[in-house]
Amino acid sequence: KRLCWTEAGYLGVVPGESRLDDEVWLLKGGKMPMVLRKVDEGTYELVGDSYIHGVMNGEKFEEGR
């Protein structure tokens, strides 16, 4: 695991194999943010789960409604 800062300014913990161009996604129905890596246009692979402070209790899903 390693620490990260998201582009939006959130502090987080992501898998150790995460790369700078990976993305943190909030997937509907998920329990925690996931780190995804773009493989092709419209295709992603799962890198792993993450902890992003400030988005762990559904706060961002509530904003998107």
PDB file of N, CA and C in Angstrom:
ATOM      1  N   LYS A   1       0.851  -1.181   0.000  1.00  0.00           N
ATOM      2  CA  LYS A   1       0.000   0.000   0.000  1.00  0.00           C
ATOM      3  C   LYS A   1       0.895   1.241   0.000  1.00  0.00           C
ATOM      4  N   ARG A   2       0.324   2.335  -0.532  1.00  0.00           N
ATOM      5  CA  ARG A   2       1.064   3.597  -0.526  1.00  0.00           C
ATOM      6  C   ARG A   2       0.095   4.757  -0.382  1.00  0.00           C
ATOM      7  N   LEU A   3       0.605   5.878   0.083  1.00  0.00           N
ATOM      8  CA  LEU A   3      -0.196   7.092   0.208  1.00  0.00           C
ATOM      9  C   LEU A   3      -0.324   7.775  -1.136  1.00  0.00           C
ATOM     10  N   CYS A   4      -1.424   8.508  -1.309  1.00  0.00           N
ATOM     11  CA  CYS A   4      -1.598   9.275  -2.538  1.00  0.00           C
ATOM     12  C   CYS A   4      -2.401  10.529  -2.240  1.00  0.00           C
ATOM     13  N   TRP A   5      -2.329  11.474  -3.154  1.00  0.00           N
ATOM     14  CA  TRP A   5      -3.209  12.640  -3.187  1.00  0.00           C
ATOM     15  C   TRP A   5      -3.958  12.553  -4.501  1.00  0.00           C
ATOM     16  N   THR A   6      -5.271  12.691  -4.463  1.00  0.00           N
ATOM     17  CA  THR A   6      -6.032  12.687  -5.708  1.00  0.00           C
ATOM     18  C   THR A   6      -5.961  14.068  -6.348  1.00  0.00           C
ATOM     19  N   GLU A   7      -6.343  14.157  -7.612  1.00  0.00           N
ATOM     20  CA  GLU A   7      -6.370  15.453  -8.291  1.00  0.00           C
ATOM     21  C   GLU A   7      -7.331  16.418  -7.608  1.00  0.00           C
ATOM     22  N   ALA A   8      -8.347  15.881  -6.932  1.00  0.00           N
ATOM     23  CA  ALA A   8      -9.321  16.717  -6.219  1.00  0.00           C
ATOM     24  C   ALA A   8      -8.817  17.126  -4.833  1.00  0.00           C
ATOM     25  N   GLY A   9      -7.621  16.642  -4.455  1.00  0.00           N
ATOM     26  CA  GLY A   9      -7.024  17.046  -3.190  1.00  0.00           C
ATOM     27  C   GLY A   9      -7.299  16.148  -2.002  1.00  0.00           C
ATOM     28  N   TYR A  10      -7.822  14.950  -2.240  1.00  0.00           N
ATOM     29  CA  TYR A  10      -8.091  14.017  -1.152  1.00  0.00           C
ATOM     30  C   TYR A  10      -6.862  13.160  -0.865  1.00  0.00           C
ATOM     31  N   LEU A  11      -6.603  12.899   0.415  1.00  0.00           N
ATOM     32  CA  LEU A  11      -5.533  12.009   0.846  1.00  0.00           C
ATOM     33  C   LEU A  11      -6.069  10.588   0.858  1.00  0.00           C
ATOM     34  N   GLY A  12      -5.266   9.646   0.373  1.00  0.00           N
ATOM     35  CA  GLY A  12      -5.738   8.274   0.330  1.00  0.00           C
ATOM     36  C   GLY A  12      -4.633   7.249   0.462  1.00  0.00           C
ATOM     37  N   VAL A  13      -5.048   5.994   0.556  1.00  0.00           N
ATOM     38  CA  VAL A  13      -4.153   4.839   0.555  1.00  0.00           C
ATOM     39  C   VAL A  13      -4.604   3.947  -0.589  1.00  0.00           C
ATOM     40  N   VAL A  14      -3.678   3.631  -1.485  1.00  0.00           N
ATOM     41  CA  VAL A  14      -3.974   2.840  -2.679  1.00  0.00           C
ATOM     42  C   VAL A  14      -3.030   1.640  -2.739  1.00  0.00           C
ATOM     43  N   PRO A  15      -3.322   0.655  -3.600  1.00  0.00           N
ATOM     44  CA  PRO A  15      -2.429  -0.498  -3.729  1.00  0.00           C
ATOM     45  C   PRO A  15      -1.004  -0.072  -4.118  1.00  0.00           C
ATOM     46  N   GLY A  16      -0.031  -0.830  -3.659  1.00  0.00           N
ATOM     47  CA  GLY A  16       1.367  -0.523  -3.944  1.00  0.00           C
ATOM     48  C   GLY A  16       1.706  -0.512  -5.418  1.00  0.00           C
ATOM     49  N   GLU A  17       0.970  -1.272  -6.232  1.00  0.00           N
ATOM     50  CA  GLU A  17       1.249  -1.326  -7.669  1.00  0.00           C
ATOM     51  C   GLU A  17       0.539  -0.224  -8.452  1.00  0.00           C
ATOM     52  N   SER A  18      -0.131   0.700  -7.759  1.00  0.00           N
ATOM     53  CA  SER A  18      -0.814   1.815  -8.438  1.00  0.00           C
ATOM     54  C   SER A  18       0.192   2.692  -9.172  1.00  0.00           C
ATOM     55  N   ARG A  19      -0.268   3.275 -10.276  1.00  0.00           N
ATOM     56  CA  ARG A  19       0.558   4.179 -11.092  1.00  0.00           C
ATOM     57  C   ARG A  19      -0.055   5.575 -11.086  1.00  0.00           C
ATOM     58  N   LEU A  20       0.726   6.556 -11.492  1.00  0.00           N
ATOM     59  CA  LEU A  20       0.249   7.940 -11.506  1.00  0.00           C
ATOM     60  C   LEU A  20      -0.973   8.143 -12.390  1.00  0.00           C
ATOM     61  N   ASP A  21      -1.094   7.386 -13.475  1.00  0.00           N
ATOM     62  CA  ASP A  21      -2.226   7.584 -14.388  1.00  0.00           C
ATOM     63  C   ASP A  21      -3.439   6.707 -14.053  1.00  0.00           C
ATOM     64  N   ASP A  22      -3.379   5.923 -12.967  1.00  0.00           N
ATOM     65  CA  ASP A  22      -4.545   5.153 -12.535  1.00  0.00           C
ATOM     66  C   ASP A  22      -5.624   6.107 -12.032  1.00  0.00           C
ATOM     67  N   GLU A  23      -6.851   5.615 -11.978  1.00  0.00           N
ATOM     68  CA  GLU A  23      -7.986   6.437 -11.568  1.00  0.00           C
ATOM     69  C   GLU A  23      -8.700   5.802 -10.385  1.00  0.00           C
ATOM     70  N   VAL A  24      -9.197   6.651  -9.487  1.00  0.00           N
ATOM     71  CA  VAL A  24     -10.013   6.185  -8.369  1.00  0.00           C
ATOM     72  C   VAL A  24     -11.470   6.365  -8.765  1.00  0.00           C
ATOM     73  N   TRP A  25     -12.231   5.285  -8.694  1.00  0.00           N
ATOM     74  CA  TRP A  25     -13.643   5.293  -9.090  1.00  0.00           C
ATOM     75  C   TRP A  25     -14.514   4.946  -7.897  1.00  0.00           C
ATOM     76  N   LEU A  26     -15.657   5.595  -7.827  1.00  0.00           N
ATOM     77  CA  LEU A  26     -16.705   5.226  -6.880  1.00  0.00           C
ATOM     78  C   LEU A  26     -17.746   4.448  -7.672  1.00  0.00           C
ATOM     79  N   LEU A  27     -17.804   3.155  -7.460  1.00  0.00           N
ATOM     80  CA  LEU A  27     -18.716   2.301  -8.212  1.00  0.00           C
ATOM     81  C   LEU A  27     -20.014   2.133  -7.439  1.00  0.00           C
ATOM     82  N   LYS A  28     -21.123   2.394  -8.089  1.00  0.00           N
ATOM     83  CA  LYS A  28     -22.427   2.305  -7.436  1.00  0.00           C
ATOM     84  C   LYS A  28     -22.622   0.913  -6.846  1.00  0.00           C
ATOM     85  N   GLY A  29     -23.010   0.875  -5.582  1.00  0.00           N
ATOM     86  CA  GLY A  29     -23.202  -0.385  -4.877  1.00  0.00           C
ATOM     87  C   GLY A  29     -21.939  -0.899  -4.211  1.00  0.00           C
ATOM     88  N   GLY A  30     -20.796  -0.262  -4.486  1.00  0.00           N
ATOM     89  CA  GLY A  30     -19.538  -0.684  -3.894  1.00  0.00           C
ATOM     90  C   GLY A  30     -19.397  -0.216  -2.458  1.00  0.00           C
ATOM     91  N   LYS A  31     -18.534  -0.873  -1.723  1.00  0.00           N
ATOM     92  CA  LYS A  31     -18.298  -0.534  -0.321  1.00  0.00           C
ATOM     93  C   LYS A  31     -17.146   0.445  -0.146  1.00  0.00           C
ATOM     94  N   MET A  32     -16.266   0.549  -1.139  1.00  0.00           N
ATOM     95  CA  MET A  32     -15.115   1.446  -1.042  1.00  0.00           C
ATOM     96  C   MET A  32     -14.666   1.858  -2.439  1.00  0.00           C
ATOM     97  N   PRO A  33     -13.929   2.961  -2.543  1.00  0.00           N
ATOM     98  CA  PRO A  33     -13.421   3.389  -3.848  1.00  0.00           C
ATOM     99  C   PRO A  33     -12.460   2.340  -4.421  1.00  0.00           C
ATOM    100  N   MET A  34     -12.474   2.191  -5.729  1.00  0.00           N
ATOM    101  CA  MET A  34     -11.609   1.238  -6.420  1.00  0.00           C
ATOM    102  C   MET A  34     -10.617   1.971  -7.317  1.00  0.00           C
ATOM    103  N   VAL A  35      -9.425   1.427  -7.420  1.00  0.00           N
ATOM    104  CA  VAL A  35      -8.415   1.958  -8.331  1.00  0.00           C
ATOM    105  C   VAL A  35      -8.508   1.163  -9.625  1.00  0.00           C
ATOM    106  N   LEU A  36      -8.721   1.885 -10.733  1.00  0.00           N
ATOM    107  CA  LEU A  36      -8.834   1.261 -12.050  1.00  0.00           C
ATOM    108  C   LEU A  36      -7.741   1.789 -12.967  1.00  0.00           C
ATOM    109  N   ARG A  37      -7.289   0.944 -13.878  1.00  0.00           N
ATOM    110  CA  ARG A  37      -6.262   1.318 -14.857  1.00  0.00           C
ATOM    111  C   ARG A  37      -6.857   1.198 -16.249  1.00  0.00           C
ATOM    112  N   LYS A  38      -6.762   2.274 -17.028  1.00  0.00           N
ATOM    113  CA  LYS A  38      -7.279   2.261 -18.397  1.00  0.00           C
ATOM    114  C   LYS A  38      -6.384   1.384 -19.267  1.00  0.00           C
ATOM    115  N   VAL A  39      -7.006   0.425 -19.950  1.00  0.00           N
ATOM    116  CA  VAL A  39      -6.281  -0.496 -20.827  1.00  0.00           C
ATOM    117  C   VAL A  39      -6.449  -0.060 -22.277  1.00  0.00           C
ATOM    118  N   ASP A  40      -7.678   0.157 -22.687  1.00  0.00           N
ATOM    119  CA  ASP A  40      -8.035   0.637 -24.020  1.00  0.00           C
ATOM    120  C   ASP A  40      -9.164   1.637 -23.847  1.00  0.00           C
ATOM    121  N   GLU A  41      -9.596   2.224 -24.938  1.00  0.00           N
ATOM    122  CA  GLU A  41     -10.736   3.141 -24.883  1.00  0.00           C
ATOM    123  C   GLU A  41     -11.966   2.400 -24.354  1.00  0.00           C
ATOM    124  N   GLY A  42     -12.455   2.823 -23.188  1.00  0.00           N
ATOM    125  CA  GLY A  42     -13.633   2.205 -22.594  1.00  0.00           C
ATOM    126  C   GLY A  42     -13.376   0.914 -21.846  1.00  0.00           C
ATOM    127  N   THR A  43     -12.111   0.493 -21.722  1.00  0.00           N
ATOM    128  CA  THR A  43     -11.771  -0.747 -21.029  1.00  0.00           C
ATOM    129  C   THR A  43     -10.799  -0.454 -19.890  1.00  0.00           C
ATOM    130  N   TYR A  44     -11.134  -0.951 -18.707  1.00  0.00           N
ATOM    131  CA  TYR A  44     -10.308  -0.747 -17.518  1.00  0.00           C
ATOM    132  C   TYR A  44     -10.045  -2.074 -16.849  1.00  0.00           C
ATOM    133  N   GLU A  45      -8.931  -2.153 -16.100  1.00  0.00           N
ATOM    134  CA  GLU A  45      -8.680  -3.315 -15.263  1.00  0.00           C
ATOM    135  C   GLU A  45      -8.634  -2.859 -13.811  1.00  0.00           C
ATOM    136  N   LEU A  46      -9.044  -3.748 -12.924  1.00  0.00           N
ATOM    137  CA  LEU A  46      -9.065  -3.447 -11.503  1.00  0.00           C
ATOM    138  C   LEU A  46      -7.665  -3.596 -10.925  1.00  0.00           C
ATOM    139  N   VAL A  47      -7.186  -2.538 -10.280  1.00  0.00           N
ATOM    140  CA  VAL A  47      -5.898  -2.591  -9.586  1.00  0.00           C
ATOM    141  C   VAL A  47      -6.128  -3.021  -8.139  1.00  0.00           C
ATOM    142  N   GLY A  48      -7.179  -2.493  -7.518  1.00  0.00           N
ATOM    143  CA  GLY A  48      -7.503  -2.877  -6.146  1.00  0.00           C
ATOM    144  C   GLY A  48      -8.368  -1.843  -5.464  1.00  0.00           C
ATOM    145  N   ASP A  49      -8.658  -2.108  -4.195  1.00  0.00           N
ATOM    146  CA  ASP A  49      -9.479  -1.170  -3.440  1.00  0.00           C
ATOM    147  C   ASP A  49      -8.597  -0.096  -2.808  1.00  0.00           C
ATOM    148  N   SER A  50      -9.242   0.941  -2.288  1.00  0.00           N
ATOM    149  CA  SER A  50      -8.494   2.052  -1.715  1.00  0.00           C
ATOM    150  C   SER A  50      -9.252   2.649  -0.543  1.00  0.00           C
ATOM    151  N   TYR A  51      -8.545   3.447   0.221  1.00  0.00           N
ATOM    152  CA  TYR A  51      -9.156   4.270   1.257  1.00  0.00           C
ATOM    153  C   TYR A  51      -8.895   5.707   0.845  1.00  0.00           C
ATOM    154  N   ILE A  52      -9.945   6.485   0.644  1.00  0.00           N
ATOM    155  CA  ILE A  52      -9.807   7.900   0.300  1.00  0.00           C
ATOM    156  C   ILE A  52     -10.544   8.687   1.374  1.00  0.00           C
ATOM    157  N   HIS A  53      -9.800   9.436   2.175  1.00  0.00           N
ATOM    158  CA  HIS A  53     -10.398  10.170   3.292  1.00  0.00           C
ATOM    159  C   HIS A  53     -11.408  11.186   2.774  1.00  0.00           C
ATOM    160  N   GLY A  54     -12.618  11.115   3.301  1.00  0.00           N
ATOM    161  CA  GLY A  54     -13.668  12.041   2.905  1.00  0.00           C
ATOM    162  C   GLY A  54     -14.662  11.467   1.915  1.00  0.00           C
ATOM    163  N   VAL A  55     -14.411  10.248   1.430  1.00  0.00           N
ATOM    164  CA  VAL A  55     -15.369   9.637   0.493  1.00  0.00           C
ATOM    165  C   VAL A  55     -15.752   8.211   0.902  1.00  0.00           C
ATOM    166  N   MET A  56     -15.420   7.807   2.101  1.00  0.00           N
ATOM    167  CA  MET A  56     -15.638   6.422   2.508  1.00  0.00           C
ATOM    168  C   MET A  56     -17.047   6.126   2.999  1.00  0.00           C
ATOM    169  N   ASN A  57     -17.816   7.129   3.323  1.00  0.00           N
ATOM    170  CA  ASN A  57     -19.156   6.896   3.867  1.00  0.00           C
ATOM    171  C   ASN A  57     -20.253   7.319   2.911  1.00  0.00           C
ATOM    172  N   GLY A  58     -19.969   7.279   1.622  1.00  0.00           N
ATOM    173  CA  GLY A  58     -20.978   7.604   0.628  1.00  0.00           C
ATOM    174  C   GLY A  58     -21.169   9.088   0.383  1.00  0.00           C
ATOM    175  N   GLU A  59     -20.280   9.936   0.925  1.00  0.00           N
ATOM    176  CA  GLU A  59     -20.437  11.381   0.761  1.00  0.00           C
ATOM    177  C   GLU A  59     -20.517  11.791  -0.699  1.00  0.00           C
ATOM    178  N   LYS A  60     -19.683  11.259  -1.525  1.00  0.00           N
ATOM    179  CA  LYS A  60     -19.654  11.663  -2.934  1.00  0.00           C
ATOM    180  C   LYS A  60     -20.855  11.132  -3.703  1.00  0.00           C
ATOM    181  N   PHE A  61     -21.396   9.979  -3.304  1.00  0.00           N
ATOM    182  CA  PHE A  61     -22.614   9.494  -3.951  1.00  0.00           C
ATOM    183  C   PHE A  61     -23.768  10.428  -3.647  1.00  0.00           C
ATOM    184  N   GLU A  62     -23.824  10.942  -2.428  1.00  0.00           N
ATOM    185  CA  GLU A  62     -24.891  11.864  -2.047  1.00  0.00           C
ATOM    186  C   GLU A  62     -24.816  13.142  -2.873  1.00  0.00           C
ATOM    187  N   GLU A  63     -23.603  13.651  -3.128  1.00  0.00           N
ATOM    188  CA  GLU A  63     -23.426  14.866  -3.928  1.00  0.00           C
ATOM    189  C   GLU A  63     -23.896  14.664  -5.354  1.00  0.00           C
ATOM    190  N   GLY A  64     -23.753  13.438  -5.888  1.00  0.00           N
ATOM    191  CA  GLY A  64     -24.078  13.162  -7.280  1.00  0.00           C
ATOM    192  C   GLY A  64     -25.560  12.968  -7.553  1.00  0.00           C
ATOM    193  N   ARG A  65     -26.384  12.946  -6.542  1.00  0.00           N
ATOM    194  CA  ARG A  65     -27.825  12.710  -6.744  1.00  0.00           C
ATOM    195  C   ARG A  65     -28.515  13.912  -7.293  1.00  0.00           C
TER     196      ARG A  65
END
